[in-house]
Amino acid sequence: MLKHKMQVMPLRRVFVAVVWLVGLLLVIPSPIWAVQSHGGAEGLVSHQIGHILFVVAMITILVRIRHHNLVEPGWKEFKIFLWLLLGWNLQTFVGHLLREFVVDHKFVKVDGNVSGYHLANTFDLFFYLTRLDHLLLVPAFLFLLLALRRWEANK
């Protein structure tokens, strides 16, 4: 018996709901772009403020973890996750700033879509490296997964 009043949906109903959802997503596709531009300077400024607040939040969590001396299994992985997320945030913050100084003819376009970028100097290389944010973000979420697994295993 369940200890709470909420009824658990049978597995079959969950499966049917997921199949319907995936089916709808496949039938009604729309373009999803990985990079979105923000309208005008105010869009970039508000987005950058969001990055700053996110950095402050990550630092606050790291300080609290250290202050409370959390060393049980899972916390090391969680701290690595936070550091990688902090690095990702700084990387994308700098990338957004640098984008304001990149001339449009540096981007290679095919059918109106950006498919490449011309590297001519150190600035171009540095800007390009800021676009590779997945190299920090994917490992970050792997460490989050490891932390969650350790916490679950040590319940």
Protein backbone atom coordinates (compact mmCIF):
# COMPACT_ATOMS: atom_id res chain seq x y z
CA MET A 1 0.00 0.00 0.00
CA LEU A 2 1.04 3.54 -0.64
CA LYS A 3 1.59 5.73 2.39
CA HIS A 4 0.26 8.81 0.64
CA LYS A 5 -3.11 9.50 -0.96
CA MET A 6 -1.82 10.19 -4.48
CA GLN A 7 -2.58 7.35 -6.88
CA VAL A 8 0.28 6.04 -9.01
CA MET A 9 -0.53 5.97 -12.70
CA PRO A 10 -0.22 2.45 -14.14
CA LEU A 11 2.91 1.91 -16.22
CA ARG A 12 0.85 1.19 -19.33
CA ARG A 13 -0.89 4.58 -19.15
CA VAL A 14 2.46 6.35 -18.74
CA PHE A 15 3.85 4.47 -21.73
CA VAL A 16 0.84 5.38 -23.88
CA ALA A 17 1.14 9.05 -22.83
CA VAL A 18 4.85 9.13 -23.73
CA VAL A 19 4.18 7.48 -27.11
CA TRP A 20 1.48 10.06 -27.87
CA LEU A 21 3.77 12.93 -26.85
CA VAL A 22 6.66 11.67 -28.97
CA GLY A 23 4.25 11.08 -31.84
CA LEU A 24 2.93 14.63 -31.64
CA LEU A 25 6.46 16.04 -31.55
CA LEU A 26 7.35 14.05 -34.67
CA VAL A 27 4.18 15.01 -36.55
CA ILE A 28 4.29 18.72 -35.72
CA PRO A 29 7.98 19.60 -36.05
CA SER A 30 9.26 23.13 -36.03
CA PRO A 31 12.81 24.46 -36.25
CA ILE A 32 14.63 24.56 -32.94
CA TRP A 33 17.77 26.63 -33.05
CA ALA A 34 20.62 26.04 -30.60
CA VAL A 35 21.62 29.71 -30.70
CA GLN A 36 19.04 32.43 -30.29
CA SER A 37 19.64 36.10 -30.85
CA HIS A 38 18.23 38.64 -28.43
CA GLY A 39 16.40 41.71 -29.64
CA GLY A 40 18.48 44.87 -29.43
CA ALA A 41 20.99 45.84 -26.78
CA GLU A 42 18.46 45.45 -23.96
CA GLY A 43 18.03 41.75 -24.82
CA LEU A 44 21.76 41.12 -24.54
CA VAL A 45 22.07 43.17 -21.35
CA SER A 46 19.23 41.32 -19.61
CA HIS A 47 20.67 37.99 -20.77
CA GLN A 48 24.13 38.91 -19.45
CA ILE A 49 22.58 39.94 -16.12
CA GLY A 50 21.10 36.45 -16.00
CA HIS A 51 24.58 34.97 -16.48
CA ILE A 52 25.96 37.18 -13.69
CA LEU A 53 23.19 36.10 -11.31
CA PHE A 54 23.82 32.47 -12.23
CA VAL A 55 27.54 32.86 -11.44
CA VAL A 56 26.66 34.41 -8.08
CA ALA A 57 24.31 31.49 -7.36
CA MET A 58 26.97 28.87 -8.21
CA ILE A 59 29.56 30.62 -6.03
CA THR A 60 27.05 30.88 -3.18
CA ILE A 61 26.29 27.16 -3.34
CA LEU A 62 30.00 26.29 -3.45
CA VAL A 63 30.68 28.50 -0.41
CA ARG A 64 27.79 26.94 1.53
CA ILE A 65 28.99 23.42 0.70
CA ARG A 66 32.45 24.33 1.99
CA HIS A 67 31.05 26.14 5.05
CA HIS A 68 28.93 23.12 6.02
CA ASN A 69 31.85 20.77 5.28
CA LEU A 70 29.76 18.44 3.12
CA VAL A 71 32.07 15.55 2.26
CA GLU A 72 29.68 12.58 2.15
CA PRO A 73 29.50 10.53 -1.07
CA GLY A 74 28.10 12.56 -3.94
CA TRP A 75 29.18 16.00 -2.77
CA LYS A 76 32.54 15.88 -4.53
CA GLU A 77 30.80 15.11 -7.84
CA PHE A 78 28.26 17.85 -7.15
CA LYS A 79 31.05 20.37 -6.52
CA ILE A 80 32.69 19.38 -9.82
CA PHE A 81 29.30 19.89 -11.50
CA LEU A 82 29.07 23.37 -9.98
CA TRP A 83 32.62 24.31 -11.03
CA LEU A 84 31.99 23.13 -14.59
CA LEU A 85 28.69 25.03 -14.68
CA LEU A 86 30.47 28.11 -13.37
CA GLY A 87 33.10 27.74 -16.11
CA TRP A 88 30.40 27.27 -18.75
CA ASN A 89 28.65 30.40 -17.54
CA LEU A 90 31.81 32.49 -17.73
CA GLN A 91 32.65 31.03 -21.14
CA THR A 92 29.25 31.91 -22.59
CA PHE A 93 29.28 35.34 -20.93
CA VAL A 94 32.57 36.16 -22.64
CA GLY A 95 31.29 34.65 -25.91
CA HIS A 96 28.23 36.89 -25.87
CA LEU A 97 30.45 39.94 -25.34
CA LEU A 98 32.89 38.95 -28.08
CA ARG A 99 30.04 38.34 -30.53
CA GLU A 100 29.36 42.07 -30.48
CA PHE A 101 32.79 42.65 -32.07
CA VAL A 102 32.68 39.92 -34.72
CA VAL A 103 31.92 41.14 -38.24
CA ASP A 104 29.21 39.22 -40.08
CA HIS A 105 31.37 38.28 -43.07
CA LYS A 106 33.41 35.99 -40.76
CA PHE A 107 30.46 33.57 -40.70
CA VAL A 108 30.10 31.13 -43.57
CA LYS A 109 26.44 30.86 -44.58
CA VAL A 110 24.73 28.20 -46.66
CA ASP A 111 21.11 28.87 -47.59
CA GLY A 112 21.01 31.66 -45.01
CA ASN A 113 22.17 29.38 -42.16
CA VAL A 114 25.57 29.69 -40.48
CA SER A 115 27.64 26.61 -41.32
CA GLY A 116 31.16 27.78 -40.51
CA TYR A 117 33.43 30.52 -39.25
CA HIS A 118 36.66 31.94 -40.72
CA LEU A 119 39.59 31.90 -38.29
CA ALA A 120 42.12 34.59 -39.22
CA ASN A 121 43.68 35.64 -35.91
CA THR A 122 43.84 34.95 -32.16
CA PHE A 123 40.62 36.88 -31.49
CA ASP A 124 38.75 34.69 -33.97
CA LEU A 125 40.12 31.55 -32.33
CA PHE A 126 39.20 32.78 -28.85
CA PHE A 127 35.67 33.65 -30.02
CA TYR A 128 35.34 30.23 -31.66
CA LEU A 129 36.42 28.49 -28.45
CA THR A 130 33.68 30.34 -26.53
CA ARG A 131 31.17 28.70 -28.87
CA LEU A 132 32.25 25.21 -27.79
CA ASP A 133 30.32 25.46 -24.53
CA HIS A 134 29.11 21.88 -24.79
CA LEU A 135 32.63 20.73 -23.89
CA LEU A 136 31.95 22.00 -20.36
CA LEU A 137 28.20 21.56 -20.15
CA VAL A 138 27.97 17.87 -21.09
CA PRO A 139 30.58 16.73 -18.53
CA ALA A 140 28.91 18.98 -15.96
CA PHE A 141 25.64 17.13 -16.28
CA LEU A 142 27.43 13.78 -16.20
CA PHE A 143 28.89 14.78 -12.82
CA LEU A 144 25.43 15.85 -11.66
CA LEU A 145 24.14 12.42 -12.66
CA LEU A 146 26.97 10.76 -10.71
CA ALA A 147 26.18 12.88 -7.64
CA LEU A 148 22.49 12.00 -7.81
CA ARG A 149 23.29 8.31 -8.19
CA ARG A 150 25.59 8.36 -5.15
CA TRP A 151 23.00 10.19 -3.08
CA GLU A 152 20.35 7.68 -4.10
CA ALA A 153 22.64 4.74 -3.32
CA ASN A 154 23.43 6.13 0.16
CA LYS A 155 19.85 6.84 1.20
